[in-house]
Amino acid sequence: MKLFASILLIAASLMLIASILLQSGKSAGLSGEIAGGAESIWGKNKGRSYEGLLEKLTTVSAVLFIVLTLFLAAL
């Protein structure tokens, strides 16, 4: 059980690192917003965009990382 949780923890940490590194910075400037970037940030297509997918992946992997870390610490 501990080995399985450790493997999941490593996978979650790699997924968290990759999803954070693939996200673009929030201070991209006005060039992205002028070209229609504001619609993907504030529009109804945010969840379907690449940034929305990375944001959800980051949240899921962060929660999984925290839960598995606490679980392994309790063992």
PDB file of N, CA and C in Angstrom:
ATOM      1  N   MET A   1       0.825  -1.189   0.000  1.00  0.00           N
ATOM      2  CA  MET A   1       0.000   0.000   0.000  1.00  0.00           C
ATOM      3  C   MET A   1       0.871   1.255   0.000  1.00  0.00           C
ATOM      4  N   LYS A   2       1.948   1.212   0.802  1.00  0.00           N
ATOM      5  CA  LYS A   2       2.841   2.361   0.883  1.00  0.00           C
ATOM      6  C   LYS A   2       3.583   2.568  -0.432  1.00  0.00           C
ATOM      7  N   LEU A   3       3.967   1.473  -1.085  1.00  0.00           N
ATOM      8  CA  LEU A   3       4.656   1.569  -2.367  1.00  0.00           C
ATOM      9  C   LEU A   3       3.738   2.160  -3.435  1.00  0.00           C
ATOM     10  N   PHE A   4       2.484   1.732  -3.463  1.00  0.00           N
ATOM     11  CA  PHE A   4       1.514   2.253  -4.429  1.00  0.00           C
ATOM     12  C   PHE A   4       1.276   3.742  -4.206  1.00  0.00           C
ATOM     13  N   ALA A   5       1.162   4.159  -2.950  1.00  0.00           N
ATOM     14  CA  ALA A   5       0.955   5.581  -2.641  1.00  0.00           C
ATOM     15  C   ALA A   5       2.188   6.399  -3.002  1.00  0.00           C
ATOM     16  N   SER A   6       3.366   5.819  -2.822  1.00  0.00           N
ATOM     17  CA  SER A   6       4.593   6.524  -3.185  1.00  0.00           C
ATOM     18  C   SER A   6       4.696   6.719  -4.696  1.00  0.00           C
ATOM     19  N   ILE A   7       4.305   5.719  -5.453  1.00  0.00           N
ATOM     20  CA  ILE A   7       4.321   5.829  -6.912  1.00  0.00           C
ATOM     21  C   ILE A   7       3.310   6.872  -7.372  1.00  0.00           C
ATOM     22  N   LEU A   8       2.131   6.879  -6.765  1.00  0.00           N
ATOM     23  CA  LEU A   8       1.136   7.892  -7.104  1.00  0.00           C
ATOM     24  C   LEU A   8       1.611   9.292  -6.735  1.00  0.00           C
ATOM     25  N   LEU A   9       2.332   9.411  -5.630  1.00  0.00           N
ATOM     26  CA  LEU A   9       2.869  10.703  -5.204  1.00  0.00           C
ATOM     27  C   LEU A   9       3.899  11.215  -6.199  1.00  0.00           C
ATOM     28  N   ILE A  10       4.751  10.348  -6.682  1.00  0.00           N
ATOM     29  CA  ILE A  10       5.746  10.748  -7.680  1.00  0.00           C
ATOM     30  C   ILE A  10       5.057  11.173  -8.968  1.00  0.00           C
ATOM     31  N   ALA A  11       4.036  10.426  -9.388  1.00  0.00           N
ATOM     32  CA  ALA A  11       3.302  10.782 -10.603  1.00  0.00           C
ATOM     33  C   ALA A  11       2.576  12.112 -10.438  1.00  0.00           C
ATOM     34  N   ALA A  12       1.975  12.331  -9.277  1.00  0.00           N
ATOM     35  CA  ALA A  12       1.264  13.586  -9.030  1.00  0.00           C
ATOM     36  C   ALA A  12       2.228  14.762  -8.993  1.00  0.00           C
ATOM     37  N   SER A  13       3.398  14.554  -8.422  1.00  0.00           N
ATOM     38  CA  SER A  13       4.360  15.649  -8.360  1.00  0.00           C
ATOM     39  C   SER A  13       4.904  16.000  -9.748  1.00  0.00           C
ATOM     40  N   LEU A  14       5.158  14.997 -10.575  1.00  0.00           N
ATOM     41  CA  LEU A  14       5.609  15.267 -11.945  1.00  0.00           C
ATOM     42  C   LEU A  14       4.519  15.945 -12.768  1.00  0.00           C
ATOM     43  N   MET A  15       3.268  15.527 -12.558  1.00  0.00           N
ATOM     44  CA  MET A  15       2.151  16.153 -13.255  1.00  0.00           C
ATOM     45  C   MET A  15       1.984  17.605 -12.805  1.00  0.00           C
ATOM     46  N   LEU A  16       2.180  17.861 -11.524  1.00  0.00           N
ATOM     47  CA  LEU A  16       2.070  19.215 -10.990  1.00  0.00           C
ATOM     48  C   LEU A  16       3.177  20.106 -11.544  1.00  0.00           C
ATOM     49  N   ILE A  17       4.390  19.606 -11.583  1.00  0.00           N
ATOM     50  CA  ILE A  17       5.508  20.384 -12.123  1.00  0.00           C
ATOM     51  C   ILE A  17       5.282  20.696 -13.597  1.00  0.00           C
ATOM     52  N   ALA A  18       4.869  19.703 -14.359  1.00  0.00           N
ATOM     53  CA  ALA A  18       4.660  19.907 -15.795  1.00  0.00           C
ATOM     54  C   ALA A  18       3.523  20.881 -16.069  1.00  0.00           C
ATOM     55  N   SER A  19       2.433  20.776 -15.323  1.00  0.00           N
ATOM     56  CA  SER A  19       1.302  21.672 -15.579  1.00  0.00           C
ATOM     57  C   SER A  19       1.614  23.109 -15.184  1.00  0.00           C
ATOM     58  N   ILE A  20       2.437  23.302 -14.173  1.00  0.00           N
ATOM     59  CA  ILE A  20       2.827  24.660 -13.792  1.00  0.00           C
ATOM     60  C   ILE A  20       3.782  25.253 -14.820  1.00  0.00           C
ATOM     61  N   LEU A  21       4.730  24.459 -15.294  1.00  0.00           N
ATOM     62  CA  LEU A  21       5.695  24.968 -16.255  1.00  0.00           C
ATOM     63  C   LEU A  21       5.082  25.247 -17.622  1.00  0.00           C
ATOM     64  N   LEU A  22       4.025  24.550 -17.976  1.00  0.00           N
ATOM     65  CA  LEU A  22       3.395  24.765 -19.274  1.00  0.00           C
ATOM     66  C   LEU A  22       2.453  25.963 -19.301  1.00  0.00           C
ATOM     67  N   GLN A  23       2.067  26.472 -18.135  1.00  0.00           N
ATOM     68  CA  GLN A  23       1.162  27.615 -18.100  1.00  0.00           C
ATOM     69  C   GLN A  23       1.899  28.879 -18.495  1.00  0.00           C
ATOM     70  N   SER A  24       1.178  29.761 -19.187  1.00  0.00           N
ATOM     71  CA  SER A  24       1.764  31.050 -19.536  1.00  0.00           C
ATOM     72  C   SER A  24       1.619  31.994 -18.356  1.00  0.00           C
ATOM     73  N   GLY A  25       2.478  32.992 -18.309  1.00  0.00           N
ATOM     74  CA  GLY A  25       2.452  33.953 -17.216  1.00  0.00           C
ATOM     75  C   GLY A  25       1.216  34.827 -17.267  1.00  0.00           C
ATOM     76  N   LYS A  26       0.793  35.295 -16.121  1.00  0.00           N
ATOM     77  CA  LYS A  26      -0.380  36.166 -16.067  1.00  0.00           C
ATOM     78  C   LYS A  26      -0.053  37.579 -16.531  1.00  0.00           C
ATOM     79  N   SER A  27       1.209  37.939 -16.565  1.00  0.00           N
ATOM     80  CA  SER A  27       1.608  39.275 -17.000  1.00  0.00           C
ATOM     81  C   SER A  27       2.113  39.233 -18.441  1.00  0.00           C
ATOM     82  N   ALA A  28       1.325  38.659 -19.315  1.00  0.00           N
ATOM     83  CA  ALA A  28       1.720  38.528 -20.709  1.00  0.00           C
ATOM     84  C   ALA A  28       1.636  39.854 -21.448  1.00  0.00           C
ATOM     85  N   GLY A  29       1.044  40.860 -20.851  1.00  0.00           N
ATOM     86  CA  GLY A  29       0.942  42.157 -21.486  1.00  0.00           C
ATOM     87  C   GLY A  29      -0.360  42.320 -22.238  1.00  0.00           C
ATOM     88  N   LEU A  30      -0.460  43.435 -22.945  1.00  0.00           N
ATOM     89  CA  LEU A  30      -1.697  43.729 -23.659  1.00  0.00           C
ATOM     90  C   LEU A  30      -1.779  43.036 -25.003  1.00  0.00           C
ATOM     91  N   SER A  31      -0.676  42.531 -25.506  1.00  0.00           N
ATOM     92  CA  SER A  31      -0.704  41.939 -26.841  1.00  0.00           C
ATOM     93  C   SER A  31      -1.611  40.713 -26.900  1.00  0.00           C
ATOM     94  N   GLY A  32      -1.636  39.918 -25.845  1.00  0.00           N
ATOM     95  CA  GLY A  32      -2.515  38.752 -25.837  1.00  0.00           C
ATOM     96  C   GLY A  32      -3.971  39.125 -25.671  1.00  0.00           C
ATOM     97  N   GLU A  33      -4.242  40.179 -24.927  1.00  0.00           N
ATOM     98  CA  GLU A  33      -5.631  40.586 -24.725  1.00  0.00           C
ATOM     99  C   GLU A  33      -6.201  41.298 -25.939  1.00  0.00           C
ATOM    100  N   ILE A  34      -5.381  42.024 -26.657  1.00  0.00           N
ATOM    101  CA  ILE A  34      -5.864  42.710 -27.850  1.00  0.00           C
ATOM    102  C   ILE A  34      -6.201  41.696 -28.928  1.00  0.00           C
ATOM    103  N   ALA A  35      -5.427  40.635 -28.997  1.00  0.00           N
ATOM    104  CA  ALA A  35      -5.630  39.629 -30.035  1.00  0.00           C
ATOM    105  C   ALA A  35      -6.739  38.644 -29.690  1.00  0.00           C
ATOM    106  N   GLY A  36      -7.497  38.890 -28.658  1.00  0.00           N
ATOM    107  CA  GLY A  36      -8.601  38.005 -28.323  1.00  0.00           C
ATOM    108  C   GLY A  36      -8.336  37.133 -27.128  1.00  0.00           C
ATOM    109  N   GLY A  37      -7.267  37.350 -26.424  1.00  0.00           N
ATOM    110  CA  GLY A  37      -6.952  36.543 -25.252  1.00  0.00           C
ATOM    111  C   GLY A  37      -7.908  36.800 -24.106  1.00  0.00           C
ATOM    112  N   ALA A  38      -8.519  37.973 -24.076  1.00  0.00           N
ATOM    113  CA  ALA A  38      -9.437  38.296 -22.984  1.00  0.00           C
ATOM    114  C   ALA A  38     -10.677  37.411 -23.019  1.00  0.00           C
ATOM    115  N   GLU A  39     -11.073  36.989 -24.205  1.00  0.00           N
ATOM    116  CA  GLU A  39     -12.250  36.127 -24.285  1.00  0.00           C
ATOM    117  C   GLU A  39     -11.980  34.746 -23.715  1.00  0.00           C
ATOM    118  N   SER A  40     -10.752  34.263 -23.841  1.00  0.00           N
ATOM    119  CA  SER A  40     -10.452  32.963 -23.256  1.00  0.00           C
ATOM    120  C   SER A  40     -10.277  33.067 -21.750  1.00  0.00           C
ATOM    121  N   ILE A  41      -9.961  34.267 -21.249  1.00  0.00           N
ATOM    122  CA  ILE A  41      -9.818  34.449 -19.804  1.00  0.00           C
ATOM    123  C   ILE A  41     -11.182  34.679 -19.164  1.00  0.00           C
ATOM    124  N   TRP A  42     -11.977  35.558 -19.736  1.00  0.00           N
ATOM    125  CA  TRP A  42     -13.253  35.925 -19.120  1.00  0.00           C
ATOM    126  C   TRP A  42     -14.460  35.308 -19.817  1.00  0.00           C
ATOM    127  N   GLY A  43     -14.250  34.745 -20.970  1.00  0.00           N
ATOM    128  CA  GLY A  43     -15.374  34.239 -21.747  1.00  0.00           C
ATOM    129  C   GLY A  43     -15.854  32.879 -21.291  1.00  0.00           C
ATOM    130  N   LYS A  44     -16.867  32.403 -22.009  1.00  0.00           N
ATOM    131  CA  LYS A  44     -17.455  31.111 -21.638  1.00  0.00           C
ATOM    132  C   LYS A  44     -16.629  29.934 -22.130  1.00  0.00           C
ATOM    133  N   ASN A  45     -15.616  30.168 -22.931  1.00  0.00           N
ATOM    134  CA  ASN A  45     -14.777  29.087 -23.457  1.00  0.00           C
ATOM    135  C   ASN A  45     -13.541  28.839 -22.612  1.00  0.00           C
ATOM    136  N   LYS A  46     -13.466  29.425 -21.427  1.00  0.00           N
ATOM    137  CA  LYS A  46     -12.266  29.271 -20.607  1.00  0.00           C
ATOM    138  C   LYS A  46     -12.031  27.812 -20.227  1.00  0.00           C
ATOM    139  N   GLY A  47     -13.077  27.095 -19.872  1.00  0.00           N
ATOM    140  CA  GLY A  47     -12.926  25.704 -19.466  1.00  0.00           C
ATOM    141  C   GLY A  47     -12.514  24.797 -20.592  1.00  0.00           C
ATOM    142  N   ARG A  48     -12.777  25.204 -21.820  1.00  0.00           N
ATOM    143  CA  ARG A  48     -12.444  24.374 -22.976  1.00  0.00           C
ATOM    144  C   ARG A  48     -11.102  24.748 -23.584  1.00  0.00           C
ATOM    145  N   SER A  49     -10.519  25.842 -23.140  1.00  0.00           N
ATOM    146  CA  SER A  49      -9.262  26.282 -23.718  1.00  0.00           C
ATOM    147  C   SER A  49      -8.092  25.509 -23.116  1.00  0.00           C
ATOM    148  N   TYR A  50      -6.939  25.698 -23.698  1.00  0.00           N
ATOM    149  CA  TYR A  50      -5.718  25.037 -23.241  1.00  0.00           C
ATOM    150  C   TYR A  50      -5.361  25.510 -21.837  1.00  0.00           C
ATOM    151  N   GLU A  51      -5.533  26.811 -21.593  1.00  0.00           N
ATOM    152  CA  GLU A  51      -5.228  27.361 -20.280  1.00  0.00           C
ATOM    153  C   GLU A  51      -6.180  26.822 -19.217  1.00  0.00           C
ATOM    154  N   GLY A  52      -7.435  26.669 -19.573  1.00  0.00           N
ATOM    155  CA  GLY A  52      -8.416  26.115 -18.637  1.00  0.00           C
ATOM    156  C   GLY A  52      -8.104  24.675 -18.283  1.00  0.00           C
ATOM    157  N   LEU A  53      -7.677  23.916 -19.274  1.00  0.00           N
ATOM    158  CA  LEU A  53      -7.306  22.521 -19.034  1.00  0.00           C
ATOM    159  C   LEU A  53      -6.084  22.435 -18.116  1.00  0.00           C
ATOM    160  N   LEU A  54      -5.094  23.291 -18.364  1.00  0.00           N
ATOM    161  CA  LEU A  54      -3.909  23.283 -17.507  1.00  0.00           C
ATOM    162  C   LEU A  54      -4.235  23.733 -16.088  1.00  0.00           C
ATOM    163  N   GLU A  55      -5.161  24.669 -15.956  1.00  0.00           N
ATOM    164  CA  GLU A  55      -5.559  25.133 -14.621  1.00  0.00           C
ATOM    165  C   GLU A  55      -6.255  24.018 -13.839  1.00  0.00           C
ATOM    166  N   LYS A  56      -7.129  23.282 -14.497  1.00  0.00           N
ATOM    167  CA  LYS A  56      -7.799  22.161 -13.837  1.00  0.00           C
ATOM    168  C   LYS A  56      -6.817  21.051 -13.490  1.00  0.00           C
ATOM    169  N   LEU A  57      -5.893  20.778 -14.398  1.00  0.00           N
ATOM    170  CA  LEU A  57      -4.888  19.752 -14.156  1.00  0.00           C
ATOM    171  C   LEU A  57      -3.986  20.134 -12.985  1.00  0.00           C
ATOM    172  N   THR A  58      -3.650  21.406 -12.882  1.00  0.00           N
ATOM    173  CA  THR A  58      -2.829  21.878 -11.769  1.00  0.00           C
ATOM    174  C   THR A  58      -3.570  21.720 -10.450  1.00  0.00           C
ATOM    175  N   THR A  59      -4.853  22.073 -10.438  1.00  0.00           N
ATOM    176  CA  THR A  59      -5.643  21.960  -9.212  1.00  0.00           C
ATOM    177  C   THR A  59      -5.777  20.514  -8.768  1.00  0.00           C
ATOM    178  N   VAL A  60      -6.094  19.630  -9.698  1.00  0.00           N
ATOM    179  CA  VAL A  60      -6.272  18.214  -9.362  1.00  0.00           C
ATOM    180  C   VAL A  60      -4.970  17.599  -8.873  1.00  0.00           C
ATOM    181  N   SER A  61      -3.880  17.898  -9.554  1.00  0.00           N
ATOM    182  CA  SER A  61      -2.608  17.304  -9.146  1.00  0.00           C
ATOM    183  C   SER A  61      -2.115  17.888  -7.818  1.00  0.00           C
ATOM    184  N   ALA A  62      -2.404  19.157  -7.538  1.00  0.00           N
ATOM    185  CA  ALA A  62      -2.012  19.746  -6.255  1.00  0.00           C
ATOM    186  C   ALA A  62      -2.793  19.122  -5.102  1.00  0.00           C
ATOM    187  N   VAL A  63      -4.092  18.931  -5.292  1.00  0.00           N
ATOM    188  CA  VAL A  63      -4.903  18.301  -4.249  1.00  0.00           C
ATOM    189  C   VAL A  63      -4.465  16.861  -4.029  1.00  0.00           C
ATOM    190  N   LEU A  64      -4.218  16.146  -5.112  1.00  0.00           N
ATOM    191  CA  LEU A  64      -3.749  14.764  -5.012  1.00  0.00           C
ATOM    192  C   LEU A  64      -2.393  14.690  -4.314  1.00  0.00           C
ATOM    193  N   PHE A  65      -1.512  15.629  -4.623  1.00  0.00           N
ATOM    194  CA  PHE A  65      -0.199  15.673  -3.993  1.00  0.00           C
ATOM    195  C   PHE A  65      -0.318  15.892  -2.481  1.00  0.00           C
ATOM    196  N   ILE A  66      -1.160  16.828  -2.077  1.00  0.00           N
ATOM    197  CA  ILE A  66      -1.329  17.124  -0.650  1.00  0.00           C
ATOM    198  C   ILE A  66      -1.942  15.942   0.087  1.00  0.00           C
ATOM    199  N   VAL A  67      -2.969  15.338  -0.494  1.00  0.00           N
ATOM    200  CA  VAL A  67      -3.641  14.207   0.159  1.00  0.00           C
ATOM    201  C   VAL A  67      -2.695  13.020   0.289  1.00  0.00           C
ATOM    202  N   LEU A  68      -1.951  12.729  -0.768  1.00  0.00           N
ATOM    203  CA  LEU A  68      -1.031  11.593  -0.699  1.00  0.00           C
ATOM    204  C   LEU A  68       0.130  11.856   0.269  1.00  0.00           C
ATOM    205  N   THR A  69       0.580  13.089   0.335  1.00  0.00           N
ATOM    206  CA  THR A  69       1.650  13.427   1.271  1.00  0.00           C
ATOM    207  C   THR A  69       1.183  13.247   2.709  1.00  0.00           C
ATOM    208  N   LEU A  70      -0.018  13.714   3.017  1.00  0.00           N
ATOM    209  CA  LEU A  70      -0.551  13.542   4.355  1.00  0.00           C
ATOM    210  C   LEU A  70      -0.808  12.076   4.675  1.00  0.00           C
ATOM    211  N   PHE A  71      -1.263  11.321   3.684  1.00  0.00           N
ATOM    212  CA  PHE A  71      -1.506   9.894   3.869  1.00  0.00           C
ATOM    213  C   PHE A  71      -0.213   9.146   4.177  1.00  0.00           C
ATOM    214  N   LEU A  72       0.843   9.467   3.426  1.00  0.00           N
ATOM    215  CA  LEU A  72       2.121   8.799   3.662  1.00  0.00           C
ATOM    216  C   LEU A  72       2.751   9.235   4.975  1.00  0.00           C
ATOM    217  N   ALA A  73       2.502  10.458   5.392  1.00  0.00           N
ATOM    218  CA  ALA A  73       3.032  10.913   6.676  1.00  0.00           C
ATOM    219  C   ALA A  73       2.321  10.224   7.845  1.00  0.00           C
ATOM    220  N   ALA A  74       1.046   9.864   7.641  1.00  0.00           N
ATOM    221  CA  ALA A  74       0.285   9.204   8.688  1.00  0.00           C
ATOM    222  C   ALA A  74       0.678   7.728   8.832  1.00  0.00           C
ATOM    223  N   LEU A  75       1.240   7.153   7.770  1.00  0.00           N
ATOM    224  CA  LEU A  75       1.635   5.743   7.844  1.00  0.00           C
ATOM    225  C   LEU A  75       2.833   5.597   8.687  1.00  0.00           C
TER     226      LEU A  75
END
